[in-house]
């Protein structure tokens, strides 16, 4: 069967979106969950909450990027992400920001450890 570029573009976008969400769940959700448990406690920070924050955050980022441009989009995306952390972890804005920063630090440490052990190709970033 011959596939045109329009067919390819139509279905590759869905595969890309689904793949990005799956990778986000595998990579970001555990770090967000660990950071949440560390900052707000195990009672409020459930793993499925971290998964929902990751998935909804990716969807909101895509929607915001479509309608808002430039630096304003980045600020709106940041606020939307912090709101998701605030809502799902039942905490305040400051703790949501701290959870987000700690999650980034956990991801950076994990990336550093993996590249030190010889896994990955992102060693030049650190």
PDB file of N, CA and C in Angstrom:
ATOM      1  N   UNK A   1       0.843  -1.180   0.000  1.00  0.00           N
ATOM      2  CA  UNK A   1       0.000   0.000   0.000  1.00  0.00           C
ATOM      3  C   UNK A   1       0.883   1.235   0.000  1.00  0.00           C
ATOM      4  N   UNK A   2       0.521   2.195  -0.813  1.00  0.00           N
ATOM      5  CA  UNK A   2       1.284   3.430  -0.944  1.00  0.00           C
ATOM      6  C   UNK A   2       0.747   4.481   0.026  1.00  0.00           C
ATOM      7  N   UNK A   3       1.624   5.024   0.870  1.00  0.00           N
ATOM      8  CA  UNK A   3       1.213   6.043   1.834  1.00  0.00           C
ATOM      9  C   UNK A   3       1.667   7.409   1.357  1.00  0.00           C
ATOM     10  N   UNK A   4       0.752   8.343   1.290  1.00  0.00           N
ATOM     11  CA  UNK A   4       1.099   9.705   0.907  1.00  0.00           C
ATOM     12  C   UNK A   4       1.663  10.430   2.116  1.00  0.00           C
ATOM     13  N   UNK A   5       2.285  11.560   1.877  1.00  0.00           N
ATOM     14  CA  UNK A   5       2.848  12.331   2.986  1.00  0.00           C
ATOM     15  C   UNK A   5       1.748  12.866   3.894  1.00  0.00           C
ATOM     16  N   UNK A   6       0.562  13.159   3.348  1.00  0.00           N
ATOM     17  CA  UNK A   6      -0.544  13.629   4.190  1.00  0.00           C
ATOM     18  C   UNK A   6      -0.984  12.520   5.139  1.00  0.00           C
ATOM     19  N   UNK A   7      -1.066  11.298   4.629  1.00  0.00           N
ATOM     20  CA  UNK A   7      -1.427  10.159   5.477  1.00  0.00           C
ATOM     21  C   UNK A   7      -0.383   9.978   6.569  1.00  0.00           C
ATOM     22  N   UNK A   8       0.876  10.033   6.168  1.00  0.00           N
ATOM     23  CA  UNK A   8       1.974   9.864   7.107  1.00  0.00           C
ATOM     24  C   UNK A   8       1.942  10.940   8.180  1.00  0.00           C
ATOM     25  N   UNK A   9       1.757  12.186   7.790  1.00  0.00           N
ATOM     26  CA  UNK A   9       1.730  13.299   8.740  1.00  0.00           C
ATOM     27  C   UNK A   9       0.548  13.187   9.691  1.00  0.00           C
ATOM     28  N   UNK A  10      -0.596  12.752   9.177  1.00  0.00           N
ATOM     29  CA  UNK A  10      -1.791  12.655  10.008  1.00  0.00           C
ATOM     30  C   UNK A  10      -1.589  11.642  11.130  1.00  0.00           C
ATOM     31  N   UNK A  11      -1.074  10.473  10.812  1.00  0.00           N
ATOM     32  CA  UNK A  11      -0.954   9.419  11.810  1.00  0.00           C
ATOM     33  C   UNK A  11       0.335   9.502  12.611  1.00  0.00           C
ATOM     34  N   UNK A  12       1.363  10.112  12.092  1.00  0.00           N
ATOM     35  CA  UNK A  12       2.593  10.283  12.854  1.00  0.00           C
ATOM     36  C   UNK A  12       2.383  11.256  14.008  1.00  0.00           C
ATOM     37  N   UNK A  13       1.508  12.225  13.846  1.00  0.00           N
ATOM     38  CA  UNK A  13       1.253  13.159  14.925  1.00  0.00           C
ATOM     39  C   UNK A  13       0.648  12.429  16.115  1.00  0.00           C
ATOM     40  N   UNK A  14      -0.284  11.513  15.865  1.00  0.00           N
ATOM     41  CA  UNK A  14      -0.889  10.756  16.956  1.00  0.00           C
ATOM     42  C   UNK A  14       0.136   9.866  17.630  1.00  0.00           C
ATOM     43  N   UNK A  15       0.970   9.218  16.839  1.00  0.00           N
ATOM     44  CA  UNK A  15       2.004   8.363  17.403  1.00  0.00           C
ATOM     45  C   UNK A  15       2.994   9.184  18.222  1.00  0.00           C
ATOM     46  N   UNK A  16       3.335  10.353  17.737  1.00  0.00           N
ATOM     47  CA  UNK A  16       4.256  11.234  18.455  1.00  0.00           C
ATOM     48  C   UNK A  16       3.654  11.669  19.782  1.00  0.00           C
ATOM     49  N   UNK A  17       2.396  12.055  19.773  1.00  0.00           N
ATOM     50  CA  UNK A  17       1.728  12.510  21.000  1.00  0.00           C
ATOM     51  C   UNK A  17       1.649  11.376  22.009  1.00  0.00           C
ATOM     52  N   UNK A  18       1.220  10.205  21.569  1.00  0.00           N
ATOM     53  CA  UNK A  18       1.103   9.061  22.474  1.00  0.00           C
ATOM     54  C   UNK A  18       2.480   8.659  23.005  1.00  0.00           C
ATOM     55  N   UNK A  19       3.474   8.657  22.137  1.00  0.00           N
ATOM     56  CA  UNK A  19       4.833   8.325  22.569  1.00  0.00           C
ATOM     57  C   UNK A  19       5.379   9.323  23.576  1.00  0.00           C
ATOM     58  N   UNK A  20       5.113  10.600  23.349  1.00  0.00           N
ATOM     59  CA  UNK A  20       5.570  11.632  24.275  1.00  0.00           C
ATOM     60  C   UNK A  20       4.907  11.477  25.630  1.00  0.00           C
ATOM     61  N   UNK A  21       3.639  11.173  25.650  1.00  0.00           N
ATOM     62  CA  UNK A  21       2.927  10.984  26.920  1.00  0.00           C
ATOM     63  C   UNK A  21       3.460   9.765  27.655  1.00  0.00           C
ATOM     64  N   UNK A  22       3.711   8.687  26.943  1.00  0.00           N
ATOM     65  CA  UNK A  22       4.230   7.476  27.588  1.00  0.00           C
ATOM     66  C   UNK A  22       5.622   7.725  28.165  1.00  0.00           C
ATOM     67  N   UNK A  23       6.489   8.364  27.404  1.00  0.00           N
ATOM     68  CA  UNK A  23       7.832   8.668  27.900  1.00  0.00           C
ATOM     69  C   UNK A  23       7.746   9.634  29.089  1.00  0.00           C
ATOM     70  N   UNK A  24       6.846  10.598  29.021  1.00  0.00           N
ATOM     71  CA  UNK A  24       6.666  11.528  30.140  1.00  0.00           C
ATOM     72  C   UNK A  24       6.232  10.816  31.402  1.00  0.00           C
ATOM     73  N   UNK A  25       5.332   9.845  31.254  1.00  0.00           N
ATOM     74  CA  UNK A  25       4.884   9.075  32.420  1.00  0.00           C
ATOM     75  C   UNK A  25       6.050   8.275  32.997  1.00  0.00           C
ATOM     76  N   UNK A  26       6.848   7.681  32.141  1.00  0.00           N
ATOM     77  CA  UNK A  26       7.964   6.854  32.604  1.00  0.00           C
ATOM     78  C   UNK A  26       9.059   7.703  33.249  1.00  0.00           C
ATOM     79  N   UNK A  27       9.316   8.883  32.706  1.00  0.00           N
ATOM     80  CA  UNK A  27      10.433   9.694  33.168  1.00  0.00           C
ATOM     81  C   UNK A  27      10.009  10.721  34.224  1.00  0.00           C
ATOM     82  N   UNK A  28       9.016  11.522  33.921  1.00  0.00           N
ATOM     83  CA  UNK A  28       8.675  12.648  34.785  1.00  0.00           C
ATOM     84  C   UNK A  28       7.841  12.252  35.995  1.00  0.00           C
ATOM     85  N   UNK A  29       6.886  11.363  35.828  1.00  0.00           N
ATOM     86  CA  UNK A  29       5.973  11.027  36.923  1.00  0.00           C
ATOM     87  C   UNK A  29       6.693  10.469  38.164  1.00  0.00           C
ATOM     88  N   UNK A  30       7.656   9.550  38.025  1.00  0.00           N
ATOM     89  CA  UNK A  30       8.343   9.085  39.239  1.00  0.00           C
ATOM     90  C   UNK A  30       9.097  10.192  39.973  1.00  0.00           C
ATOM     91  N   UNK A  31       9.735  11.085  39.219  1.00  0.00           N
ATOM     92  CA  UNK A  31      10.454  12.193  39.858  1.00  0.00           C
ATOM     93  C   UNK A  31       9.478  13.135  40.561  1.00  0.00           C
ATOM     94  N   UNK A  32       8.367  13.410  39.932  1.00  0.00           N
ATOM     95  CA  UNK A  32       7.350  14.281  40.526  1.00  0.00           C
ATOM     96  C   UNK A  32       6.746  13.624  41.762  1.00  0.00           C
ATOM     97  N   UNK A  33       6.540  12.329  41.701  1.00  0.00           N
ATOM     98  CA  UNK A  33       6.002  11.589  42.836  1.00  0.00           C
ATOM     99  C   UNK A  33       6.967  11.610  44.021  1.00  0.00           C
ATOM    100  N   UNK A  34       8.255  11.355  43.756  1.00  0.00           N
ATOM    101  CA  UNK A  34       9.251  11.388  44.830  1.00  0.00           C
ATOM    102  C   UNK A  34       9.368  12.778  45.439  1.00  0.00           C
ATOM    103  N   UNK A  35       9.376  13.800  44.596  1.00  0.00           N
ATOM    104  CA  UNK A  35       9.455  15.167  45.102  1.00  0.00           C
ATOM    105  C   UNK A  35       8.218  15.512  45.928  1.00  0.00           C
ATOM    106  N   UNK A  36       7.056  15.077  45.470  1.00  0.00           N
ATOM    107  CA  UNK A  36       5.828  15.325  46.207  1.00  0.00           C
ATOM    108  C   UNK A  36       5.819  14.643  47.559  1.00  0.00           C
ATOM    109  N   UNK A  37       6.279  13.398  47.597  1.00  0.00           N
ATOM    110  CA  UNK A  37       6.342  12.675  48.877  1.00  0.00           C
ATOM    111  C   UNK A  37       7.304  13.356  49.830  1.00  0.00           C
ATOM    112  N   UNK A  38       8.392  13.886  49.303  1.00  0.00           N
ATOM    113  CA  UNK A  38       9.398  14.545  50.127  1.00  0.00           C
ATOM    114  C   UNK A  38       8.886  15.882  50.675  1.00  0.00           C
ATOM    115  N   UNK A  39       8.162  16.644  49.860  1.00  0.00           N
ATOM    116  CA  UNK A  39       7.743  17.995  50.258  1.00  0.00           C
ATOM    117  C   UNK A  39       6.384  17.991  50.952  1.00  0.00           C
ATOM    118  N   UNK A  40       5.366  17.376  50.377  1.00  0.00           N
ATOM    119  CA  UNK A  40       4.011  17.463  50.953  1.00  0.00           C
ATOM    120  C   UNK A  40       3.607  16.212  51.716  1.00  0.00           C
ATOM    121  N   UNK A  41       4.369  15.139  51.633  1.00  0.00           N
ATOM    122  CA  UNK A  41       4.072  13.931  52.399  1.00  0.00           C
ATOM    123  C   UNK A  41       3.414  12.852  51.559  1.00  0.00           C
ATOM    124  N   UNK A  42       3.495  11.631  52.079  1.00  0.00           N
ATOM    125  CA  UNK A  42       2.987  10.464  51.361  1.00  0.00           C
ATOM    126  C   UNK A  42       1.471  10.438  51.283  1.00  0.00           C
ATOM    127  N   UNK A  43       0.798  11.083  52.233  1.00  0.00           N
ATOM    128  CA  UNK A  43      -0.668  11.077  52.230  1.00  0.00           C
ATOM    129  C   UNK A  43      -1.242  11.865  51.063  1.00  0.00           C
ATOM    130  N   UNK A  44      -0.567  12.942  50.678  1.00  0.00           N
ATOM    131  CA  UNK A  44      -1.086  13.805  49.611  1.00  0.00           C
ATOM    132  C   UNK A  44      -0.502  13.478  48.240  1.00  0.00           C
ATOM    133  N   UNK A  45       0.696  12.971  48.205  1.00  0.00           N
ATOM    134  CA  UNK A  45       1.378  12.731  46.930  1.00  0.00           C
ATOM    135  C   UNK A  45       1.262  11.261  46.539  1.00  0.00           C
ATOM    136  N   UNK A  46       0.281  10.955  45.742  1.00  0.00           N
ATOM    137  CA  UNK A  46       0.075   9.596  45.230  1.00  0.00           C
ATOM    138  C   UNK A  46       0.696   9.490  43.836  1.00  0.00           C
ATOM    139  N   UNK A  47       1.104   8.277  43.468  1.00  0.00           N
ATOM    140  CA  UNK A  47       1.738   8.098  42.163  1.00  0.00           C
ATOM    141  C   UNK A  47       0.781   8.432  41.019  1.00  0.00           C
ATOM    142  N   UNK A  48      -0.474   8.032  41.141  1.00  0.00           N
ATOM    143  CA  UNK A  48      -1.434   8.332  40.061  1.00  0.00           C
ATOM    144  C   UNK A  48      -1.669   9.832  39.929  1.00  0.00           C
ATOM    145  N   UNK A  49      -1.553  10.580  41.030  1.00  0.00           N
ATOM    146  CA  UNK A  49      -1.628  12.038  40.930  1.00  0.00           C
ATOM    147  C   UNK A  49      -0.474  12.569  40.086  1.00  0.00           C
ATOM    148  N   UNK A  50       0.719  12.005  40.293  1.00  0.00           N
ATOM    149  CA  UNK A  50       1.878  12.418  39.497  1.00  0.00           C
ATOM    150  C   UNK A  50       1.679  12.083  38.025  1.00  0.00           C
ATOM    151  N   UNK A  51       1.078  10.932  37.759  1.00  0.00           N
ATOM    152  CA  UNK A  51       0.799  10.552  36.368  1.00  0.00           C
ATOM    153  C   UNK A  51      -0.189  11.544  35.751  1.00  0.00           C
ATOM    154  N   UNK A  52      -1.267  11.878  36.477  1.00  0.00           N
ATOM    155  CA  UNK A  52      -2.248  12.831  35.950  1.00  0.00           C
ATOM    156  C   UNK A  52      -1.649  14.216  35.751  1.00  0.00           C
ATOM    157  N   UNK A  53      -0.799  14.651  36.681  1.00  0.00           N
ATOM    158  CA  UNK A  53      -0.139  15.950  36.519  1.00  0.00           C
ATOM    159  C   UNK A  53       0.710  15.939  35.249  1.00  0.00           C
ATOM    160  N   UNK A  54       1.429  14.845  35.029  1.00  0.00           N
ATOM    161  CA  UNK A  54       2.279  14.732  33.843  1.00  0.00           C
ATOM    162  C   UNK A  54       1.451  14.757  32.555  1.00  0.00           C
ATOM    163  N   UNK A  55       0.422  13.940  32.482  1.00  0.00           N
ATOM    164  CA  UNK A  55      -0.393  13.849  31.266  1.00  0.00           C
ATOM    165  C   UNK A  55      -1.136  15.161  31.009  1.00  0.00           C
ATOM    166  N   UNK A  56      -1.829  15.663  32.021  1.00  0.00           N
ATOM    167  CA  UNK A  56      -2.573  16.917  31.834  1.00  0.00           C
ATOM    168  C   UNK A  56      -1.647  18.093  31.572  1.00  0.00           C
ATOM    169  N   UNK A  57      -0.468  18.078  32.198  1.00  0.00           N
ATOM    170  CA  UNK A  57       0.509  19.131  31.947  1.00  0.00           C
ATOM    171  C   UNK A  57       0.975  19.152  30.501  1.00  0.00           C
ATOM    172  N   UNK A  58       1.200  17.970  29.936  1.00  0.00           N
ATOM    173  CA  UNK A  58       1.611  17.897  28.529  1.00  0.00           C
ATOM    174  C   UNK A  58       0.498  18.373  27.603  1.00  0.00           C
ATOM    175  N   UNK A  59      -0.723  17.964  27.900  1.00  0.00           N
ATOM    176  CA  UNK A  59      -1.853  18.394  27.068  1.00  0.00           C
ATOM    177  C   UNK A  59      -2.058  19.899  27.172  1.00  0.00           C
ATOM    178  N   UNK A  60      -2.030  20.421  28.394  1.00  0.00           N
ATOM    179  CA  UNK A  60      -2.193  21.872  28.574  1.00  0.00           C
ATOM    180  C   UNK A  60      -1.069  22.650  27.896  1.00  0.00           C
ATOM    181  N   UNK A  61       0.162  22.152  27.987  1.00  0.00           N
ATOM    182  CA  UNK A  61       1.279  22.832  27.326  1.00  0.00           C
ATOM    183  C   UNK A  61       1.063  22.907  25.817  1.00  0.00           C
ATOM    184  N   UNK A  62       0.579  21.833  25.221  1.00  0.00           N
ATOM    185  CA  UNK A  62       0.332  21.836  23.779  1.00  0.00           C
ATOM    186  C   UNK A  62      -0.784  22.803  23.411  1.00  0.00           C
ATOM    187  N   UNK A  63      -1.863  22.797  24.187  1.00  0.00           N
ATOM    188  CA  UNK A  63      -2.994  23.685  23.897  1.00  0.00           C
ATOM    189  C   UNK A  63      -2.585  25.147  24.078  1.00  0.00           C
ATOM    190  N   UNK A  64      -1.875  25.434  25.158  1.00  0.00           N
ATOM    191  CA  UNK A  64      -1.445  26.815  25.408  1.00  0.00           C
ATOM    192  C   UNK A  64      -0.502  27.282  24.312  1.00  0.00           C
ATOM    193  N   UNK A  65       0.415  26.407  23.886  1.00  0.00           N
ATOM    194  CA  UNK A  65       1.366  26.774  22.830  1.00  0.00           C
ATOM    195  C   UNK A  65       0.657  27.067  21.510  1.00  0.00           C
ATOM    196  N   UNK A  66      -0.490  26.424  21.270  1.00  0.00           N
ATOM    197  CA  UNK A  66      -1.225  26.675  20.030  1.00  0.00           C
ATOM    198  C   UNK A  66      -1.862  28.061  20.016  1.00  0.00           C
ATOM    199  N   UNK A  67      -2.319  28.523  21.183  1.00  0.00           N
ATOM    200  CA  UNK A  67      -3.090  29.756  21.224  1.00  0.00           C
ATOM    201  C   UNK A  67      -2.320  30.974  21.717  1.00  0.00           C
ATOM    202  N   UNK A  68      -1.266  30.765  22.469  1.00  0.00           N
ATOM    203  CA  UNK A  68      -0.491  31.867  23.022  1.00  0.00           C
ATOM    204  C   UNK A  68       0.940  31.698  22.547  1.00  0.00           C
ATOM    205  N   UNK A  69       1.594  32.768  22.212  1.00  0.00           N
ATOM    206  CA  UNK A  69       2.944  32.666  21.688  1.00  0.00           C
ATOM    207  C   UNK A  69       3.981  33.334  22.563  1.00  0.00           C
ATOM    208  N   UNK A  70       5.227  33.015  22.293  1.00  0.00           N
ATOM    209  CA  UNK A  70       6.356  33.677  22.914  1.00  0.00           C
ATOM    210  C   UNK A  70       6.523  33.412  24.397  1.00  0.00           C
ATOM    211  N   UNK A  71       7.063  34.432  25.067  1.00  0.00           N
ATOM    212  CA  UNK A  71       7.352  34.318  26.488  1.00  0.00           C
ATOM    213  C   UNK A  71       6.076  34.207  27.326  1.00  0.00           C
ATOM    214  N   UNK A  72       5.008  34.810  26.847  1.00  0.00           N
ATOM    215  CA  UNK A  72       3.738  34.738  27.571  1.00  0.00           C
ATOM    216  C   UNK A  72       3.275  33.276  27.649  1.00  0.00           C
ATOM    217  N   UNK A  73       3.472  32.519  26.589  1.00  0.00           N
ATOM    218  CA  UNK A  73       3.079  31.104  26.591  1.00  0.00           C
ATOM    219  C   UNK A  73       3.858  30.336  27.650  1.00  0.00           C
ATOM    220  N   UNK A  74       5.142  30.607  27.774  1.00  0.00           N
ATOM    221  CA  UNK A  74       5.948  29.942  28.786  1.00  0.00           C
ATOM    222  C   UNK A  74       5.472  30.249  30.195  1.00  0.00           C
ATOM    223  N   UNK A  75       5.109  31.493  30.431  1.00  0.00           N
ATOM    224  CA  UNK A  75       4.612  31.890  31.749  1.00  0.00           C
ATOM    225  C   UNK A  75       3.264  31.238  32.046  1.00  0.00           C
ATOM    226  N   UNK A  76       2.371  31.226  31.055  1.00  0.00           N
ATOM    227  CA  UNK A  76       1.059  30.601  31.241  1.00  0.00           C
ATOM    228  C   UNK A  76       1.219  29.094  31.451  1.00  0.00           C
ATOM    229  N   UNK A  77       2.136  28.461  30.715  1.00  0.00           N
ATOM    230  CA  UNK A  77       2.383  27.033  30.883  1.00  0.00           C
ATOM    231  C   UNK A  77       2.926  26.732  32.283  1.00  0.00           C
ATOM    232  N   UNK A  78       3.826  27.575  32.769  1.00  0.00           N
ATOM    233  CA  UNK A  78       4.362  27.402  34.114  1.00  0.00           C
ATOM    234  C   UNK A  78       3.265  27.507  35.159  1.00  0.00           C
ATOM    235  N   UNK A  79       2.417  28.514  35.029  1.00  0.00           N
ATOM    236  CA  UNK A  79       1.315  28.677  35.976  1.00  0.00           C
ATOM    237  C   UNK A  79       0.330  27.507  35.908  1.00  0.00           C
ATOM    238  N   UNK A  80       0.064  27.010  34.712  1.00  0.00           N
ATOM    239  CA  UNK A  80      -0.836  25.871  34.562  1.00  0.00           C
ATOM    240  C   UNK A  80      -0.241  24.626  35.223  1.00  0.00           C
ATOM    241  N   UNK A  81       1.043  24.407  35.029  1.00  0.00           N
ATOM    242  CA  UNK A  81       1.712  23.257  35.639  1.00  0.00           C
ATOM    243  C   UNK A  81       1.704  23.378  37.164  1.00  0.00           C
ATOM    244  N   UNK A  82       2.016  24.560  37.673  1.00  0.00           N
ATOM    245  CA  UNK A  82       1.997  24.766  39.125  1.00  0.00           C
ATOM    246  C   UNK A  82       0.592  24.578  39.686  1.00  0.00           C
ATOM    247  N   UNK A  83      -0.419  25.016  38.927  1.00  0.00           N
ATOM    248  CA  UNK A  83      -1.802  24.815  39.375  1.00  0.00           C
ATOM    249  C   UNK A  83      -2.133  23.325  39.473  1.00  0.00           C
ATOM    250  N   UNK A  84      -1.675  22.539  38.491  1.00  0.00           N
ATOM    251  CA  UNK A  84      -1.926  21.092  38.542  1.00  0.00           C
ATOM    252  C   UNK A  84      -1.270  20.460  39.769  1.00  0.00           C
ATOM    253  N   UNK A  85      -0.033  20.853  40.048  1.00  0.00           N
ATOM    254  CA  UNK A  85       0.651  20.325  41.228  1.00  0.00           C
ATOM    255  C   UNK A  85      -0.085  20.762  42.487  1.00  0.00           C
ATOM    256  N   UNK A  86      -0.490  22.015  42.528  1.00  0.00           N
ATOM    257  CA  UNK A  86      -1.223  22.551  43.679  1.00  0.00           C
ATOM    258  C   UNK A  86      -2.536  21.800  43.893  1.00  0.00           C
ATOM    259  N   UNK A  87      -3.265  21.563  42.826  1.00  0.00           N
ATOM    260  CA  UNK A  87      -4.570  20.911  42.922  1.00  0.00           C
ATOM    261  C   UNK A  87      -4.453  19.444  43.307  1.00  0.00           C
ATOM    262  N   UNK A  88      -3.601  18.705  42.618  1.00  0.00           N
ATOM    263  CA  UNK A  88      -3.517  17.261  42.852  1.00  0.00           C
ATOM    264  C   UNK A  88      -2.806  16.910  44.160  1.00  0.00           C
ATOM    265  N   UNK A  89      -1.840  17.719  44.578  1.00  0.00           N
ATOM    266  CA  UNK A  89      -1.134  17.442  45.826  1.00  0.00           C
ATOM    267  C   UNK A  89      -1.729  18.199  47.008  1.00  0.00           C
ATOM    268  N   UNK A  90      -2.821  18.924  46.761  1.00  0.00           N
ATOM    269  CA  UNK A  90      -3.555  19.637  47.808  1.00  0.00           C
ATOM    270  C   UNK A  90      -2.619  20.471  48.678  1.00  0.00           C
ATOM    271  N   UNK A  91      -1.899  21.363  48.039  1.00  0.00           N
ATOM    272  CA  UNK A  91      -0.927  22.200  48.732  1.00  0.00           C
ATOM    273  C   UNK A  91      -1.031  23.632  48.226  1.00  0.00           C
ATOM    274  N   UNK A  92      -0.190  24.511  48.706  1.00  0.00           N
ATOM    275  CA  UNK A  92      -0.202  25.900  48.286  1.00  0.00           C
ATOM    276  C   UNK A  92       0.708  26.133  47.086  1.00  0.00           C
ATOM    277  N   UNK A  93       0.699  27.365  46.621  1.00  0.00           N
ATOM    278  CA  UNK A  93       1.506  27.728  45.455  1.00  0.00           C
ATOM    279  C   UNK A  93       3.001  27.575  45.724  1.00  0.00           C
ATOM    280  N   UNK A  94       3.438  27.963  46.915  1.00  0.00           N
ATOM    281  CA  UNK A  94       4.868  27.896  47.231  1.00  0.00           C
ATOM    282  C   UNK A  94       5.331  26.440  47.266  1.00  0.00           C
ATOM    283  N   UNK A  95       4.576  25.581  47.943  1.00  0.00           N
ATOM    284  CA  UNK A  95       4.949  24.165  47.971  1.00  0.00           C
ATOM    285  C   UNK A  95       4.882  23.538  46.587  1.00  0.00           C
ATOM    286  N   UNK A  96       3.941  23.972  45.760  1.00  0.00           N
ATOM    287  CA  UNK A  96       3.869  23.467  44.384  1.00  0.00           C
ATOM    288  C   UNK A  96       5.134  23.843  43.621  1.00  0.00           C
ATOM    289  N   UNK A  97       5.612  25.059  43.826  1.00  0.00           N
ATOM    290  CA  UNK A  97       6.850  25.487  43.163  1.00  0.00           C
ATOM    291  C   UNK A  97       8.043  24.703  43.694  1.00  0.00           C
ATOM    292  N   UNK A  98       8.074  24.467  45.001  1.00  0.00           N
ATOM    293  CA  UNK A  98       9.177  23.700  45.583  1.00  0.00           C
ATOM    294  C   UNK A  98       9.160  22.259  45.063  1.00  0.00           C
ATOM    295  N   UNK A  99       7.979  21.652  44.997  1.00  0.00           N
ATOM    296  CA  UNK A  99       7.862  20.288  44.452  1.00  0.00           C
ATOM    297  C   UNK A  99       8.386  20.252  43.024  1.00  0.00           C
ATOM    298  N   UNK A 100       8.044  21.246  42.232  1.00  0.00           N
ATOM    299  CA  UNK A 100       8.477  21.279  40.831  1.00  0.00           C
ATOM    300  C   UNK A 100       9.989  21.415  40.716  1.00  0.00           C
ATOM    301  N   UNK A 101      10.578  22.263  41.530  1.00  0.00           N
ATOM    302  CA  UNK A 101      12.036  22.442  41.494  1.00  0.00           C
ATOM    303  C   UNK A 101      12.735  21.171  41.961  1.00  0.00           C
ATOM    304  N   UNK A 102      12.245  20.566  43.027  1.00  0.00           N
ATOM    305  CA  UNK A 102      12.853  19.326  43.527  1.00  0.00           C
ATOM    306  C   UNK A 102      12.731  18.216  42.481  1.00  0.00           C
ATOM    307  N   UNK A 103      11.612  18.157  41.769  1.00  0.00           N
ATOM    308  CA  UNK A 103      11.450  17.148  40.705  1.00  0.00           C
ATOM    309  C   UNK A 103      12.496  17.353  39.611  1.00  0.00           C
ATOM    310  N   UNK A 104      12.759  18.599  39.248  1.00  0.00           N
ATOM    311  CA  UNK A 104      13.788  18.881  38.235  1.00  0.00           C
ATOM    312  C   UNK A 104      15.161  18.456  38.745  1.00  0.00           C
ATOM    313  N   UNK A 105      15.456  18.729  40.016  1.00  0.00           N
ATOM    314  CA  UNK A 105      16.741  18.322  40.593  1.00  0.00           C
ATOM    315  C   UNK A 105      16.867  16.795  40.584  1.00  0.00           C
ATOM    316  N   UNK A 106      15.793  16.090  40.945  1.00  0.00           N
ATOM    317  CA  UNK A 106      15.811  14.619  40.917  1.00  0.00           C
ATOM    318  C   UNK A 106      16.070  14.119  39.502  1.00  0.00           C
ATOM    319  N   UNK A 107      15.412  14.726  38.509  1.00  0.00           N
ATOM    320  CA  UNK A 107      15.638  14.315  37.120  1.00  0.00           C
ATOM    321  C   UNK A 107      17.080  14.583  36.683  1.00  0.00           C
ATOM    322  N   UNK A 108      17.627  15.719  37.088  1.00  0.00           N
ATOM    323  CA  UNK A 108      19.016  16.032  36.730  1.00  0.00           C
ATOM    324  C   UNK A 108      19.990  15.048  37.380  1.00  0.00           C
ATOM    325  N   UNK A 109      19.752  14.700  38.647  1.00  0.00           N
ATOM    326  CA  UNK A 109      20.608  13.730  39.318  1.00  0.00           C
ATOM    327  C   UNK A 109      20.508  12.356  38.661  1.00  0.00           C
ATOM    328  N   UNK A 110      19.305  11.963  38.291  1.00  0.00           N
ATOM    329  CA  UNK A 110      19.122  10.680  37.606  1.00  0.00           C
ATOM    330  C   UNK A 110      19.828  10.685  36.255  1.00  0.00           C
ATOM    331  N   UNK A 111      19.703  11.788  35.524  1.00  0.00           N
ATOM    332  CA  UNK A 111      20.359  11.891  34.224  1.00  0.00           C
ATOM    333  C   UNK A 111      21.878  11.841  34.394  1.00  0.00           C
ATOM    334  N   UNK A 112      22.388  12.537  35.389  1.00  0.00           N
ATOM    335  CA  UNK A 112      23.829  12.529  35.645  1.00  0.00           C
ATOM    336  C   UNK A 112      24.310  11.127  36.001  1.00  0.00           C
ATOM    337  N   UNK A 113      23.552  10.431  36.862  1.00  0.00           N
ATOM    338  CA  UNK A 113      23.936   9.077  37.266  1.00  0.00           C
ATOM    339  C   UNK A 113      23.935   8.128  36.069  1.00  0.00           C
ATOM    340  N   UNK A 114      22.910   8.234  35.233  1.00  0.00           N
ATOM    341  CA  UNK A 114      22.838   7.347  34.063  1.00  0.00           C
ATOM    342  C   UNK A 114      23.958   7.625  33.068  1.00  0.00           C
ATOM    343  N   UNK A 115      24.271   8.900  32.851  1.00  0.00           N
ATOM    344  CA  UNK A 115      25.354   9.210  31.903  1.00  0.00           C
ATOM    345  C   UNK A 115      26.710   8.826  32.480  1.00  0.00           C
ATOM    346  N   UNK A 116      26.861   8.921  33.793  1.00  0.00           N
ATOM    347  CA  UNK A 116      28.107   8.494  34.421  1.00  0.00           C
ATOM    348  C   UNK A 116      28.311   6.989  34.264  1.00  0.00           C
ATOM    349  N   UNK A 117      27.212   6.250  34.313  1.00  0.00           N
ATOM    350  CA  UNK A 117      27.285   4.804  34.133  1.00  0.00           C
ATOM    351  C   UNK A 117      27.385   4.386  32.668  1.00  0.00           C
ATOM    352  N   UNK A 118      27.285   5.352  31.765  1.00  0.00           N
ATOM    353  CA  UNK A 118      27.434   5.055  30.349  1.00  0.00           C
ATOM    354  C   UNK A 118      26.141   4.911  29.585  1.00  0.00           C
ATOM    355  N   UNK A 119      25.012   5.221  30.210  1.00  0.00           N
ATOM    356  CA  UNK A 119      23.715   5.146  29.530  1.00  0.00           C
ATOM    357  C   UNK A 119      23.325   6.530  29.053  1.00  0.00           C
ATOM    358  N   UNK A 120      22.776   6.613  27.854  1.00  0.00           N
ATOM    359  CA  UNK A 120      22.260   7.866  27.349  1.00  0.00           C
ATOM    360  C   UNK A 120      23.275   8.639  26.554  1.00  0.00           C
ATOM    361  N   UNK A 121      22.773   9.647  25.866  1.00  0.00           N
ATOM    362  CA  UNK A 121      23.612  10.481  25.012  1.00  0.00           C
ATOM    363  C   UNK A 121      23.524  11.938  25.400  1.00  0.00           C
ATOM    364  N   UNK A 122      23.079  12.201  26.600  1.00  0.00           N
ATOM    365  CA  UNK A 122      22.890  13.590  27.012  1.00  0.00           C
ATOM    366  C   UNK A 122      23.975  14.036  27.985  1.00  0.00           C
ATOM    367  N   UNK A 123      25.110  13.387  27.963  1.00  0.00           N
ATOM    368  CA  UNK A 123      26.188  13.721  28.881  1.00  0.00           C
ATOM    369  C   UNK A 123      26.741  15.109  28.686  1.00  0.00           C
ATOM    370  N   UNK A 124      26.627  15.663  27.499  1.00  0.00           N
ATOM    371  CA  UNK A 124      27.169  16.998  27.242  1.00  0.00           C
ATOM    372  C   UNK A 124      26.277  18.101  27.809  1.00  0.00           C
ATOM    373  N   UNK A 125      25.068  17.777  28.241  1.00  0.00           N
ATOM    374  CA  UNK A 125      24.165  18.790  28.789  1.00  0.00           C
ATOM    375  C   UNK A 125      24.612  19.215  30.166  1.00  0.00           C
ATOM    376  N   UNK A 126      25.091  18.262  30.969  1.00  0.00           N
ATOM    377  CA  UNK A 126      25.457  18.576  32.361  1.00  0.00           C
ATOM    378  C   UNK A 126      26.838  19.159  32.420  1.00  0.00           C
TER     379      UNK A 126
END
